[in-house]
């Protein structure tokens, strides 16, 4: 559904015509609107009425939600329809519940930030979009409409089953992604553990499929898996522990140490992620079946009905925690694999922990990336390639693309590249330094590499400093300065004794000087300094602390006064 933001749509009246067609009359809306989406949980809607072809691929069936709960959900939808006094196609739509639909993160974010839809009969009007534009109108009822319905108080256990089904659908979808760990990994690493886990997973999957088919969990079906709870918990905790150990290792402050760990353990990490995903899927399915049994007993026992809600709540907490750990680990692994694909030889790292040639390391890295990348993209959509910033301060012959390809995978979500600078490495300008510098330049030319420069990457959050060749070969960062630590930027208009322009960066803790080659245009240096200068600030706490250093005798006098010295004596 398309949601118009108020500032963009130009509408502030919630009674305006539906999005996309301001000339549509109320009668036209009622005759064409036969799709209803009712948000029963935050981000989860029940679809009723006619399902447009554009929504069908994303429609989720009710799965393990018992038939009685589906009827109860239909009843509450009917009560909303009656309260809205709608008729015709739209009135009939409420009587035909089709399935579940996950409201996208973008739409949820817009609604939370104040975006509105046109309102009619208590429901919001939105447009179902397709390649040719608006295809049909849909009526959307937010979760608040459900909470106000006459029978809303009794629907909690039924919605708990909906929440469990959505969790099960989410993790099953991740399992279906092409996480094709190589046969070698599965046959050589923890073979017995894998066999035990796959047996449990198959049993639970079979029970879930049967429960979905008959829309219930009878006693005989439950008894087939009832004894699997402790074994599934053991498997889940085993692979949770493995994954958390990996996360702790790669979370160390030393970037080189965590990269070496990933290099040595990449295949084991891929296996543990696959095993955790499978165990989480089976564990979620087991608890969904368990909740369905409690839900069935809850028809006659209020405690059992409440127990079903407790199961759903606890399952959600464990599910979210496990998925967060797995996302963190997969992000770190895939980031390193993607960086490896961009690195310049000969220092690309070997996955097996033994020294291999660059070609072999890249091939192994590419195979593992191909296996785990679909899962990574499902858990966390990849960032877009970095475009060249407006400010690139360096020689005209310098190509910034290799640096941007690596920086892309080092950036945090939403981080924006604002400027790139390539100053010369500082030297002492003495005869020995000149000889050494000349020798290094000759050595770089012999190795078909450019002489080392400094890399300065300015983002909206930090300033990244690195040595160019080391960065291209190892993705190593020398320094990472938050922009809120920038205190002053100075860019002298006149070059120094060697005809080089300079920028001085004064941070909270140090002074940094960058010198740029004489071929670099003055306007580029000025532009880089201007971007840096936007972050100049002195926090009040630091200002006060510096000012206090100016009056040590007064502070000493204040101490004496507190022991009985009068203000006159102090003066």
Protein backbone atom coordinates (compact mmCIF):
# COMPACT_ATOMS: atom_id res chain seq x y z
CA UNK A 1 0.00 0.00 0.00
CA UNK A 2 1.21 3.46 -0.83
CA UNK A 3 1.14 5.94 2.03
CA UNK A 4 1.36 9.66 1.33
CA UNK A 5 3.41 11.75 3.73
CA UNK A 6 1.56 14.90 4.80
CA UNK A 7 4.29 17.27 3.75
CA UNK A 8 4.46 15.71 0.30
CA UNK A 9 0.77 15.07 -0.34
CA UNK A 10 -0.25 18.57 0.61
CA UNK A 11 -3.29 17.25 2.48
CA UNK A 12 -3.93 17.81 6.14
CA UNK A 13 -7.63 16.84 6.20
CA UNK A 14 -8.06 13.17 6.99
CA UNK A 15 -11.30 13.18 5.04
CA UNK A 16 -9.67 13.90 1.67
CA UNK A 17 -10.17 11.65 -1.31
CA UNK A 18 -8.08 8.49 -1.64
CA UNK A 19 -4.42 8.63 -2.49
CA UNK A 20 -3.69 8.87 -6.17
CA UNK A 21 -7.03 10.15 -7.52
CA UNK A 22 -8.53 13.31 -6.04
CA UNK A 23 -11.58 13.12 -8.34
CA UNK A 24 -12.76 9.70 -7.15
CA UNK A 25 -16.24 9.88 -5.64
CA UNK A 26 -17.43 8.01 -2.57
CA UNK A 27 -19.68 5.80 -4.65
CA UNK A 28 -16.83 4.90 -6.95
CA UNK A 29 -14.72 3.95 -3.92
CA UNK A 30 -17.36 1.64 -2.50
CA UNK A 31 -17.86 -0.05 -5.88
CA UNK A 32 -14.17 -0.67 -6.51
CA UNK A 33 -12.79 -1.20 -2.99
CA UNK A 34 -13.16 -4.91 -2.24
CA UNK A 35 -9.86 -5.49 -0.41
CA UNK A 36 -9.57 -4.93 3.34
CA UNK A 37 -6.42 -5.06 5.45
CA UNK A 38 -6.97 -5.05 9.21
CA UNK A 39 -3.86 -4.67 11.37
CA UNK A 40 -4.33 -7.20 14.18
CA UNK A 41 -0.77 -6.92 15.55
CA UNK A 42 1.83 -4.19 14.99
CA UNK A 43 3.05 -4.75 11.44
CA UNK A 44 0.75 -7.76 10.83
CA UNK A 45 -2.56 -7.45 8.97
CA UNK A 46 -5.35 -9.88 8.14
CA UNK A 47 -6.38 -9.68 4.47
CA UNK A 48 -10.09 -9.98 3.73
CA UNK A 49 -12.08 -9.84 0.53
CA UNK A 50 -10.53 -9.97 -2.91
CA UNK A 51 -6.73 -10.37 -2.92
CA UNK A 52 -5.09 -8.39 -5.73
CA UNK A 53 -2.53 -10.37 -7.77
CA UNK A 54 0.14 -7.94 -6.56
CA UNK A 55 -0.43 -9.02 -2.94
CA UNK A 56 -0.75 -12.77 -3.54
CA UNK A 57 3.01 -13.58 -3.58
CA UNK A 58 3.35 -12.06 -0.09
CA UNK A 59 0.12 -13.50 1.35
CA UNK A 60 0.81 -15.77 4.34
CA UNK A 61 -1.64 -18.56 5.12
CA UNK A 62 -2.95 -19.01 8.65
CA UNK A 63 -0.85 -22.17 9.03
CA UNK A 64 -1.11 -23.55 12.54
CA UNK A 65 -3.72 -21.02 13.68
CA UNK A 66 -6.63 -23.28 14.73
CA UNK A 67 -9.91 -23.11 12.78
CA UNK A 68 -11.75 -21.83 15.87
CA UNK A 69 -9.33 -18.91 16.18
CA UNK A 70 -9.80 -18.08 12.50
CA UNK A 71 -13.55 -17.90 13.08
CA UNK A 72 -13.01 -15.60 16.05
CA UNK A 73 -10.81 -13.31 13.95
CA UNK A 74 -13.48 -13.27 11.23
CA UNK A 75 -16.03 -12.30 13.86
CA UNK A 76 -14.05 -9.32 15.02
CA UNK A 77 -13.55 -8.19 11.42
CA UNK A 78 -17.30 -8.43 10.91
CA UNK A 79 -17.84 -6.27 14.00
CA UNK A 80 -15.52 -3.64 12.54
CA UNK A 81 -17.44 -3.77 9.27
CA UNK A 82 -20.75 -3.40 11.07
CA UNK A 83 -19.44 -0.47 13.09
CA UNK A 84 -18.35 1.20 9.86
CA UNK A 85 -21.83 0.61 8.33
CA UNK A 86 -20.31 -0.35 4.98
CA UNK A 87 -22.15 -2.27 2.30
CA UNK A 88 -21.76 -3.62 -1.20
CA UNK A 89 -18.44 -5.13 -2.25
CA UNK A 90 -16.70 -3.74 0.80
CA UNK A 91 -19.31 -5.12 3.19
CA UNK A 92 -18.94 -8.58 1.67
CA UNK A 93 -15.16 -8.38 1.93
CA UNK A 94 -15.25 -8.50 5.73
CA UNK A 95 -16.87 -11.93 5.59
CA UNK A 96 -14.06 -13.49 3.54
CA UNK A 97 -10.75 -13.76 5.45
CA UNK A 98 -7.93 -14.77 3.09
CA UNK A 99 -4.70 -14.80 5.09
CA UNK A 100 -2.02 -12.69 6.76
CA UNK A 101 0.13 -9.90 5.40
CA UNK A 102 3.26 -8.29 6.81
CA UNK A 103 3.17 -4.50 6.55
CA UNK A 104 6.51 -3.28 5.21
CA UNK A 105 9.03 -1.46 7.39
CA UNK A 106 8.81 1.62 5.17
CA UNK A 107 5.03 1.88 5.52
CA UNK A 108 5.25 1.35 9.29
CA UNK A 109 7.93 4.03 9.59
CA UNK A 110 5.81 6.52 7.62
CA UNK A 111 2.74 5.84 9.76
CA UNK A 112 4.76 6.22 12.97
CA UNK A 113 6.21 9.52 11.71
CA UNK A 114 2.77 11.03 11.08
CA UNK A 115 1.92 9.99 7.52
CA UNK A 116 -1.82 9.70 6.96
CA UNK A 117 -4.24 8.00 4.62
CA UNK A 118 -7.61 9.33 3.61
CA UNK A 119 -10.39 8.16 5.95
CA UNK A 120 -13.85 6.79 5.11
CA UNK A 121 -16.19 4.75 7.32
CA UNK A 122 -13.52 4.39 10.00
CA UNK A 123 -10.97 2.89 7.60
CA UNK A 124 -8.01 4.40 5.76
CA UNK A 125 -7.94 4.40 1.98
CA UNK A 126 -4.74 3.39 0.23
CA UNK A 127 -3.71 2.43 -3.28
CA UNK A 128 -2.37 -0.95 -4.39
CA UNK A 129 0.43 -0.08 -6.77
CA UNK A 130 1.65 -2.04 -9.79
CA UNK A 131 3.88 -1.48 -12.84
CA UNK A 132 1.14 0.58 -14.49
CA UNK A 133 0.39 2.75 -11.46
CA UNK A 134 -2.62 2.51 -9.14
CA UNK A 135 -4.43 -0.79 -9.74
CA UNK A 136 -7.16 -0.69 -7.10
CA UNK A 137 -8.16 0.85 -3.81
CA UNK A 138 -7.75 -1.00 -0.51
CA UNK A 139 -9.25 -0.23 2.90
CA UNK A 140 -6.77 -0.32 5.80
CA UNK A 141 -7.80 -0.51 9.48
CA UNK A 142 -4.98 0.14 11.99
CA UNK A 143 -4.42 -1.97 15.08
CA UNK A 144 -6.28 0.62 17.18
CA UNK A 145 -9.49 -0.28 15.34
CA UNK A 146 -9.17 -3.87 16.56
CA UNK A 147 -8.56 -2.82 20.16
CA UNK A 148 -11.79 -0.78 20.10
CA UNK A 149 -13.92 -3.60 18.68
CA UNK A 150 -16.65 -4.93 21.03
CA UNK A 151 -15.08 -8.42 21.40
CA UNK A 152 -11.41 -7.33 21.36
CA UNK A 153 -10.78 -8.38 24.97
CA UNK A 154 -11.35 -12.05 24.15
CA UNK A 155 -9.16 -12.21 21.06
CA UNK A 156 -5.76 -12.15 22.79
CA UNK A 157 -5.08 -15.92 22.66
CA UNK A 158 -6.10 -16.05 18.98
CA UNK A 159 -3.71 -13.22 18.16
CA UNK A 160 -0.97 -15.04 20.09
CA UNK A 161 -1.37 -17.91 17.60
CA UNK A 162 -1.15 -15.40 14.73
CA UNK A 163 2.10 -14.05 16.20
CA UNK A 164 3.55 -17.57 16.43
CA UNK A 165 2.56 -18.29 12.83
CA UNK A 166 4.30 -15.11 11.66
CA UNK A 167 7.47 -16.10 13.55
CA UNK A 168 7.35 -19.56 12.03
CA UNK A 169 6.84 -18.11 8.58
CA UNK A 170 9.77 -15.72 9.02
CA UNK A 171 12.28 -18.35 10.10
CA UNK A 172 11.02 -20.88 7.53
CA UNK A 173 11.58 -18.28 4.84
CA UNK A 174 15.15 -17.82 6.00
CA UNK A 175 15.71 -21.59 5.91
CA UNK A 176 14.44 -21.66 2.33
CA UNK A 177 17.04 -19.12 1.22
CA UNK A 178 19.94 -20.54 -0.68
CA UNK A 179 22.19 -21.16 2.32
CA UNK A 180 23.96 -23.94 0.44
CA UNK A 181 26.90 -24.74 2.70
CA UNK A 182 29.31 -26.87 0.71
CA UNK A 183 29.06 -30.65 0.92
CA UNK A 184 32.61 -30.75 2.22
CA UNK A 185 31.67 -28.64 5.24
CA UNK A 186 28.62 -30.76 6.06
CA UNK A 187 30.49 -34.05 5.71
CA UNK A 188 33.62 -33.12 7.61
CA UNK A 189 32.47 -30.75 10.38
CA UNK A 190 30.32 -32.05 13.23
CA UNK A 191 28.74 -34.75 11.11
CA UNK A 192 27.06 -36.53 14.03
CA UNK A 193 25.64 -33.26 15.40
CA UNK A 194 24.14 -32.45 12.03
CA UNK A 195 22.48 -35.87 11.75
CA UNK A 196 20.87 -35.53 15.19
CA UNK A 197 19.60 -32.04 14.41
CA UNK A 198 18.18 -32.91 10.98
CA UNK A 199 16.22 -35.80 12.52
CA UNK A 200 14.55 -33.47 15.04
CA UNK A 201 13.89 -30.82 12.40
CA UNK A 202 12.24 -33.32 10.07
CA UNK A 203 9.92 -34.61 12.83
CA UNK A 204 8.74 -31.13 13.83
CA UNK A 205 8.36 -29.96 10.22
CA UNK A 206 6.19 -32.99 9.48
CA UNK A 207 3.98 -32.28 12.52
CA UNK A 208 3.60 -28.61 11.59
CA UNK A 209 2.62 -29.50 8.02
CA UNK A 210 0.00 -31.97 9.28
CA UNK A 211 -1.38 -29.43 11.77
CA UNK A 212 -1.64 -26.87 8.99
CA UNK A 213 -3.53 -29.33 6.80
CA UNK A 214 -6.15 -30.25 9.42
CA UNK A 215 -6.18 -26.77 11.05
CA UNK A 216 -5.78 -28.30 14.50
CA UNK A 217 -3.33 -30.11 16.79
CA UNK A 218 -5.03 -33.31 18.00
CA UNK A 219 -3.61 -35.33 20.88
CA UNK A 220 -2.13 -38.09 18.69
CA UNK A 221 -0.23 -35.54 16.56
CA UNK A 222 1.10 -33.73 19.62
CA UNK A 223 2.30 -36.95 21.22
CA UNK A 224 4.59 -37.57 18.21
CA UNK A 225 6.71 -34.52 19.09
CA UNK A 226 5.88 -33.89 22.76
CA UNK A 227 9.11 -35.49 23.95
CA UNK A 228 11.30 -33.39 21.64
CA UNK A 229 11.24 -30.22 23.72
CA UNK A 230 14.34 -30.89 25.83
CA UNK A 231 16.33 -32.15 22.82
CA UNK A 232 15.39 -29.10 20.74
CA UNK A 233 16.30 -26.78 23.60
CA UNK A 234 19.68 -28.51 23.87
CA UNK A 235 20.32 -28.07 20.14
CA UNK A 236 19.23 -24.45 20.21
CA UNK A 237 21.44 -23.62 23.20
CA UNK A 238 24.40 -25.48 21.64
CA UNK A 239 24.35 -23.43 18.45
CA UNK A 240 23.39 -20.23 20.26
CA UNK A 241 26.53 -20.70 22.33
CA UNK A 242 28.63 -21.33 19.23
CA UNK A 243 27.28 -18.26 17.47
CA UNK A 244 27.69 -16.03 20.54
CA UNK A 245 31.30 -17.20 20.87
CA UNK A 246 31.88 -16.21 17.25
CA UNK A 247 30.22 -12.82 17.82
CA UNK A 248 32.37 -12.21 20.90
CA UNK A 249 35.56 -13.08 19.01
CA UNK A 250 34.86 -10.82 16.06
CA UNK A 251 33.69 -8.03 18.36
CA UNK A 252 37.17 -7.47 19.75
CA UNK A 253 38.58 -3.97 19.36
CA UNK A 254 41.58 -5.15 17.32
CA UNK A 255 40.33 -5.25 13.73
CA UNK A 256 43.23 -7.43 12.60
CA UNK A 257 42.50 -10.02 15.31
CA UNK A 258 38.83 -10.39 14.47
CA UNK A 259 39.63 -10.54 10.75
CA UNK A 260 42.15 -13.32 11.35
CA UNK A 261 39.53 -15.18 13.39
CA UNK A 262 37.07 -14.96 10.51
CA UNK A 263 39.71 -16.13 8.07
CA UNK A 264 40.48 -19.21 10.14
CA UNK A 265 36.91 -20.12 11.12
CA UNK A 266 34.81 -19.02 8.15
CA UNK A 267 33.61 -22.52 7.23
CA UNK A 268 32.79 -23.41 10.85
CA UNK A 269 30.86 -20.13 11.18
CA UNK A 270 28.84 -20.93 8.07
CA UNK A 271 27.95 -24.33 9.51
CA UNK A 272 26.96 -22.94 12.92
CA UNK A 273 24.72 -20.31 11.28
CA UNK A 274 23.01 -23.00 9.19
CA UNK A 275 22.56 -25.24 12.24
CA UNK A 276 21.24 -22.39 14.41
CA UNK A 277 18.75 -21.40 11.74
CA UNK A 278 17.49 -24.99 11.43
CA UNK A 279 17.26 -25.48 15.20
CA UNK A 280 15.45 -22.13 15.62
CA UNK A 281 12.97 -23.16 12.94
CA UNK A 282 12.24 -26.50 14.64
CA UNK A 283 12.15 -24.93 18.11
CA UNK A 284 9.66 -22.26 16.96
CA UNK A 285 7.50 -24.90 15.29
CA UNK A 286 7.49 -27.02 18.43
CA UNK A 287 6.35 -24.15 20.62
CA UNK A 288 3.72 -23.16 18.07
CA UNK A 289 2.29 -26.69 18.31
CA UNK A 290 2.52 -26.49 22.11
CA UNK A 291 0.63 -23.20 22.15
CA UNK A 292 -2.02 -24.62 19.82
CA UNK A 293 -2.62 -27.46 22.29
CA UNK A 294 -2.98 -24.97 25.15
CA UNK A 295 -5.26 -22.87 22.98
CA UNK A 296 -7.53 -25.85 22.32
CA UNK A 297 -7.71 -26.60 26.05
CA UNK A 298 -8.39 -22.93 26.69
CA UNK A 299 -11.88 -23.17 25.22
CA UNK A 300 -12.96 -24.49 28.60
CA UNK A 301 -10.09 -23.30 30.80
CA UNK A 302 -9.12 -19.62 31.02
CA UNK A 303 -5.73 -20.52 32.53
CA UNK A 304 -4.85 -22.61 29.46
CA UNK A 305 -5.85 -19.73 27.18
CA UNK A 306 -3.60 -17.38 29.12
CA UNK A 307 -0.82 -19.98 28.99
CA UNK A 308 -0.96 -19.89 25.18
CA UNK A 309 -0.27 -16.15 25.33
CA UNK A 310 2.66 -16.71 27.73
CA UNK A 311 4.15 -19.27 25.33
CA UNK A 312 3.87 -16.80 22.45
CA UNK A 313 5.45 -14.00 24.52
CA UNK A 314 8.43 -16.10 25.69
CA UNK A 315 8.94 -17.60 22.23
CA UNK A 316 9.06 -14.10 20.72
CA UNK A 317 11.71 -12.95 23.21
CA UNK A 318 13.95 -15.96 22.52
CA UNK A 319 13.31 -15.71 18.79
CA UNK A 320 14.29 -12.02 18.60
CA UNK A 321 17.44 -12.52 20.68
CA UNK A 322 18.62 -15.47 18.61
CA UNK A 323 17.87 -13.74 15.32
CA UNK A 324 19.77 -10.62 16.45
CA UNK A 325 22.88 -12.67 17.33
CA UNK A 326 22.72 -14.51 14.03
CA UNK A 327 22.26 -11.29 12.06
CA UNK A 328 25.28 -9.74 13.78
CA UNK A 329 27.47 -12.74 13.00
CA UNK A 330 26.35 -13.13 9.39
CA UNK A 331 26.82 -9.39 8.82
CA UNK A 332 30.41 -9.56 10.09
CA UNK A 333 31.26 -12.66 8.07
CA UNK A 334 29.73 -11.42 4.82
CA UNK A 335 31.35 -8.01 5.29
CA UNK A 336 34.78 -9.64 5.50
CA UNK A 337 34.07 -11.86 2.49
CA UNK A 338 32.93 -8.87 0.45
CA UNK A 339 35.97 -6.84 1.47
CA UNK A 340 38.23 -9.75 0.52
CA UNK A 341 36.70 -9.73 -2.95
CA UNK A 342 37.70 -6.05 -3.30
CA UNK A 343 41.22 -6.26 -1.84
CA UNK A 344 44.30 -5.87 -3.97
CA UNK A 345 46.88 -8.70 -3.77
CA UNK A 346 49.09 -10.11 -2.48
CA UNK A 347 47.72 -9.85 1.07
CA UNK A 348 44.25 -11.35 0.56
CA UNK A 349 43.65 -13.64 3.51
CA UNK A 350 43.34 -17.46 3.29
CA UNK A 351 40.16 -19.08 4.60
CA UNK A 352 41.84 -22.28 5.80
CA UNK A 353 44.33 -20.40 7.97
CA UNK A 354 47.26 -21.56 5.86
CA UNK A 355 49.11 -19.38 3.41
CA UNK A 356 47.66 -19.76 -0.08
CA UNK A 357 48.05 -17.81 -3.25
CA UNK A 358 45.73 -14.89 -3.88
CA UNK A 359 43.76 -16.60 -6.62
CA UNK A 360 42.88 -19.61 -4.46
CA UNK A 361 41.86 -17.41 -1.52
CA UNK A 362 39.56 -15.35 -3.71
CA UNK A 363 37.95 -18.44 -5.22
CA UNK A 364 37.24 -19.98 -1.80
CA UNK A 365 35.94 -16.64 -0.54
CA UNK A 366 33.65 -16.31 -3.54
CA UNK A 367 32.19 -19.80 -3.05
CA UNK A 368 31.46 -19.21 0.62
CA UNK A 369 30.00 -15.77 -0.13
CA UNK A 370 27.74 -17.30 -2.77
CA UNK A 371 26.48 -19.82 -0.19
CA UNK A 372 25.75 -17.41 2.66
CA UNK A 373 24.97 -14.13 0.86
CA UNK A 374 21.25 -14.87 0.23
CA UNK A 375 20.70 -15.40 3.95
CA UNK A 376 22.68 -12.25 4.76
CA UNK A 377 20.58 -10.19 2.35
CA UNK A 378 17.37 -11.57 3.92
CA UNK A 379 18.51 -10.70 7.43
CA UNK A 380 20.00 -7.33 6.52
CA UNK A 381 19.61 -5.75 3.05
CA UNK A 382 23.02 -4.78 1.60
CA UNK A 383 24.05 -1.16 1.30
CA UNK A 384 24.11 0.51 -2.09
CA UNK A 385 27.45 1.26 -3.81
CA UNK A 386 29.05 4.52 -2.70
CA UNK A 387 28.83 7.30 -5.24
CA UNK A 388 31.80 9.61 -5.71
CA UNK A 389 31.40 12.58 -3.34
CA UNK A 390 31.41 16.16 -4.60
CA UNK A 391 34.73 16.79 -2.83
CA UNK A 392 37.73 14.63 -3.86
CA UNK A 393 40.96 16.31 -2.88
CA UNK A 394 43.82 14.57 -4.68
CA UNK A 395 45.73 14.30 -7.96
CA UNK A 396 43.53 14.23 -11.07
CA UNK A 397 44.98 10.85 -12.09
CA UNK A 398 43.87 9.20 -8.84
CA UNK A 399 40.91 6.80 -9.12
CA UNK A 400 38.75 6.83 -6.00
CA UNK A 401 36.58 3.84 -6.96
CA UNK A 402 38.79 1.09 -5.40
CA UNK A 403 38.66 2.97 -2.09
CA UNK A 404 34.91 3.46 -2.28
CA UNK A 405 34.32 -0.23 -2.99
CA UNK A 406 36.04 -1.16 0.29
CA UNK A 407 34.60 1.76 2.30
CA UNK A 408 31.12 0.60 1.29
CA UNK A 409 31.43 -2.48 3.50
CA UNK A 410 33.06 -0.61 6.39
CA UNK A 411 30.30 1.97 6.71
CA UNK A 412 27.48 1.72 9.22
CA UNK A 413 23.83 1.72 8.15
CA UNK A 414 22.86 5.11 6.80
CA UNK A 415 26.39 6.53 6.92
CA UNK A 416 27.06 8.97 4.06
CA UNK A 417 30.40 9.73 2.39
CA UNK A 418 30.93 13.49 2.16
CA UNK A 419 34.53 13.95 1.04
CA UNK A 420 37.76 12.12 0.18
CA UNK A 421 41.27 13.48 0.59
CA UNK A 422 44.65 12.05 -0.40
CA UNK A 423 47.41 14.08 1.27
CA UNK A 424 51.09 13.22 1.06
CA UNK A 425 52.72 11.27 3.86
CA UNK A 426 54.54 13.66 6.20
CA UNK A 427 58.35 13.67 6.23
CA UNK A 428 61.07 15.67 7.94
CA UNK A 429 62.20 17.46 4.75
CA UNK A 430 65.80 16.55 5.56
CA UNK A 431 68.38 14.95 3.21
CA UNK A 432 68.04 11.49 4.77
CA UNK A 433 64.25 11.71 4.56
CA UNK A 434 64.49 12.74 0.91
CA UNK A 435 66.73 9.76 0.14
CA UNK A 436 64.40 7.38 1.93
CA UNK A 437 61.35 8.91 0.25
CA UNK A 438 62.95 8.58 -3.16
CA UNK A 439 63.86 4.96 -2.48
CA UNK A 440 60.31 4.16 -1.38
CA UNK A 441 58.95 5.72 -4.56
CA UNK A 442 61.30 3.61 -6.69
CA UNK A 443 60.29 0.49 -4.75
CA UNK A 444 56.60 1.25 -5.24
CA UNK A 445 57.16 1.72 -8.97
CA UNK A 446 59.02 -1.61 -9.15
CA UNK A 447 56.07 -3.31 -7.41
CA UNK A 448 53.61 -1.63 -9.81
CA UNK A 449 52.06 0.32 -6.95
CA UNK A 450 51.67 4.03 -6.37
CA UNK A 451 53.65 5.57 -3.55
CA UNK A 452 51.86 5.59 -0.22
CA UNK A 453 49.56 8.50 0.57
CA UNK A 454 47.17 9.16 3.41
CA UNK A 455 43.50 8.38 2.89
CA UNK A 456 41.07 10.81 4.54
CA UNK A 457 37.42 9.77 4.25
CA UNK A 458 34.96 12.23 5.79
CA UNK A 459 31.44 10.98 6.51
CA UNK A 460 28.50 12.48 8.34
CA UNK A 461 29.65 10.61 11.48
CA UNK A 462 33.44 10.30 11.51
CA UNK A 463 36.78 10.89 9.83
CA UNK A 464 38.53 7.71 8.67
CA UNK A 465 42.33 7.83 8.30
CA UNK A 466 44.38 5.12 6.58
CA UNK A 467 47.48 4.52 4.48
CA UNK A 468 46.42 4.06 0.87
CA UNK A 469 48.33 0.90 -0.12
CA UNK A 470 47.68 -0.82 3.20
CA UNK A 471 44.01 0.07 2.92
CA UNK A 472 43.73 -1.38 -0.59
CA UNK A 473 45.56 -4.58 0.42
CA UNK A 474 44.22 -5.19 3.94
CA UNK A 475 41.29 -2.75 4.45
CA UNK A 476 43.22 -1.55 7.52
CA UNK A 477 42.17 1.72 9.16
CA UNK A 478 44.76 3.69 11.14
CA UNK A 479 42.39 6.02 12.97
CA UNK A 480 38.69 6.66 13.35
CA UNK A 481 37.77 10.15 14.65
CA UNK A 482 34.13 10.97 15.53
CA UNK A 483 33.18 14.30 13.99
CA UNK A 484 31.98 15.62 17.35
CA UNK A 485 35.64 15.63 18.43
CA UNK A 486 36.62 18.20 15.77
CA UNK A 487 37.51 21.48 17.49
CA UNK A 488 39.13 23.63 14.80
CA UNK A 489 40.19 23.46 11.14
CA UNK A 490 42.86 25.71 9.67
CA UNK A 491 43.73 25.92 5.97
CA UNK A 492 46.51 28.46 5.27
CA UNK A 493 46.03 30.15 1.90
CA UNK A 494 49.77 30.21 1.19
CA UNK A 495 51.70 26.97 0.50
CA UNK A 496 54.58 25.86 2.70
CA UNK A 497 58.30 25.93 1.80
CA UNK A 498 57.86 22.90 -0.51
CA UNK A 499 54.93 24.52 -2.39
CA UNK A 500 52.39 22.22 -0.75
CA UNK A 501 49.03 23.36 0.62
CA UNK A 502 48.13 22.25 4.13
CA UNK A 503 45.13 21.55 6.32
CA UNK A 504 45.47 21.46 10.11
CA UNK A 505 42.84 19.49 12.00
CA UNK A 506 42.65 20.09 15.74
CA UNK A 507 40.63 17.48 17.61
CA UNK A 508 39.89 17.03 21.27
CA UNK A 509 43.05 14.96 21.78
CA UNK A 510 45.56 15.81 19.05
CA UNK A 511 46.69 18.06 16.21
CA UNK A 512 46.90 16.57 12.70
CA UNK A 513 48.53 18.18 9.65
CA UNK A 514 47.92 17.11 6.05
CA UNK A 515 50.08 18.34 3.18
CA UNK A 516 48.82 18.09 -0.39
CA UNK A 517 50.92 17.78 -3.52
CA UNK A 518 51.53 20.97 -5.46
CA UNK A 519 49.48 19.56 -8.37
CA UNK A 520 46.33 19.46 -6.24
CA UNK A 521 44.07 22.42 -7.01
CA UNK A 522 43.65 25.05 -4.30
CA UNK A 523 39.87 24.91 -4.60
CA UNK A 524 39.87 21.18 -3.76
CA UNK A 525 41.87 21.75 -0.59
CA UNK A 526 39.56 24.62 0.38
CA UNK A 527 36.49 22.44 -0.26
CA UNK A 528 37.82 19.64 1.96
CA UNK A 529 38.61 22.13 4.71
CA UNK A 530 35.09 23.56 4.41
CA UNK A 531 33.49 20.13 4.86
CA UNK A 532 35.63 19.49 7.92
CA UNK A 533 34.88 22.95 9.31
CA UNK A 534 31.16 22.19 9.42
CA UNK A 535 31.86 19.95 12.42
CA UNK A 536 33.83 22.50 14.46
CA UNK A 537 32.47 22.82 17.99
CA UNK A 538 33.67 23.17 21.57
CA UNK A 539 31.35 21.57 24.13
CA UNK A 540 30.49 23.80 27.07
CA UNK A 541 31.99 21.30 29.53
CA UNK A 542 35.39 21.47 27.78
CA UNK A 543 35.21 25.27 27.55
CA UNK A 544 34.54 25.60 31.28
CA UNK A 545 37.31 23.16 32.11
CA UNK A 546 39.80 25.14 30.01
CA UNK A 547 38.69 28.43 31.55
CA UNK A 548 39.20 27.11 35.06
CA UNK A 549 42.85 26.41 34.32
CA UNK A 550 43.34 30.16 33.95
CA UNK A 551 42.52 30.91 37.63
CA UNK A 552 44.27 28.34 39.82
CA UNK A 553 44.95 30.92 42.56
CA UNK A 554 41.26 31.82 42.83
CA UNK A 555 40.33 28.17 43.17
CA UNK A 556 42.96 27.86 45.91
CA UNK A 557 41.49 30.90 47.62
CA UNK A 558 38.00 29.40 47.46
CA UNK A 559 39.29 26.33 49.23
CA UNK A 560 40.75 28.54 52.00
CA UNK A 561 37.47 30.44 52.26
CA UNK A 562 35.62 27.22 52.86
CA UNK A 563 37.85 26.67 55.91
CA UNK A 564 37.06 30.05 57.47
CA UNK A 565 38.85 32.73 55.38
CA UNK A 566 36.63 35.77 54.79
CA UNK A 567 35.87 37.15 51.34
CA UNK A 568 37.77 40.36 52.24
CA UNK A 569 40.93 38.43 53.05
CA UNK A 570 40.60 36.51 49.76
CA UNK A 571 40.30 39.77 47.82
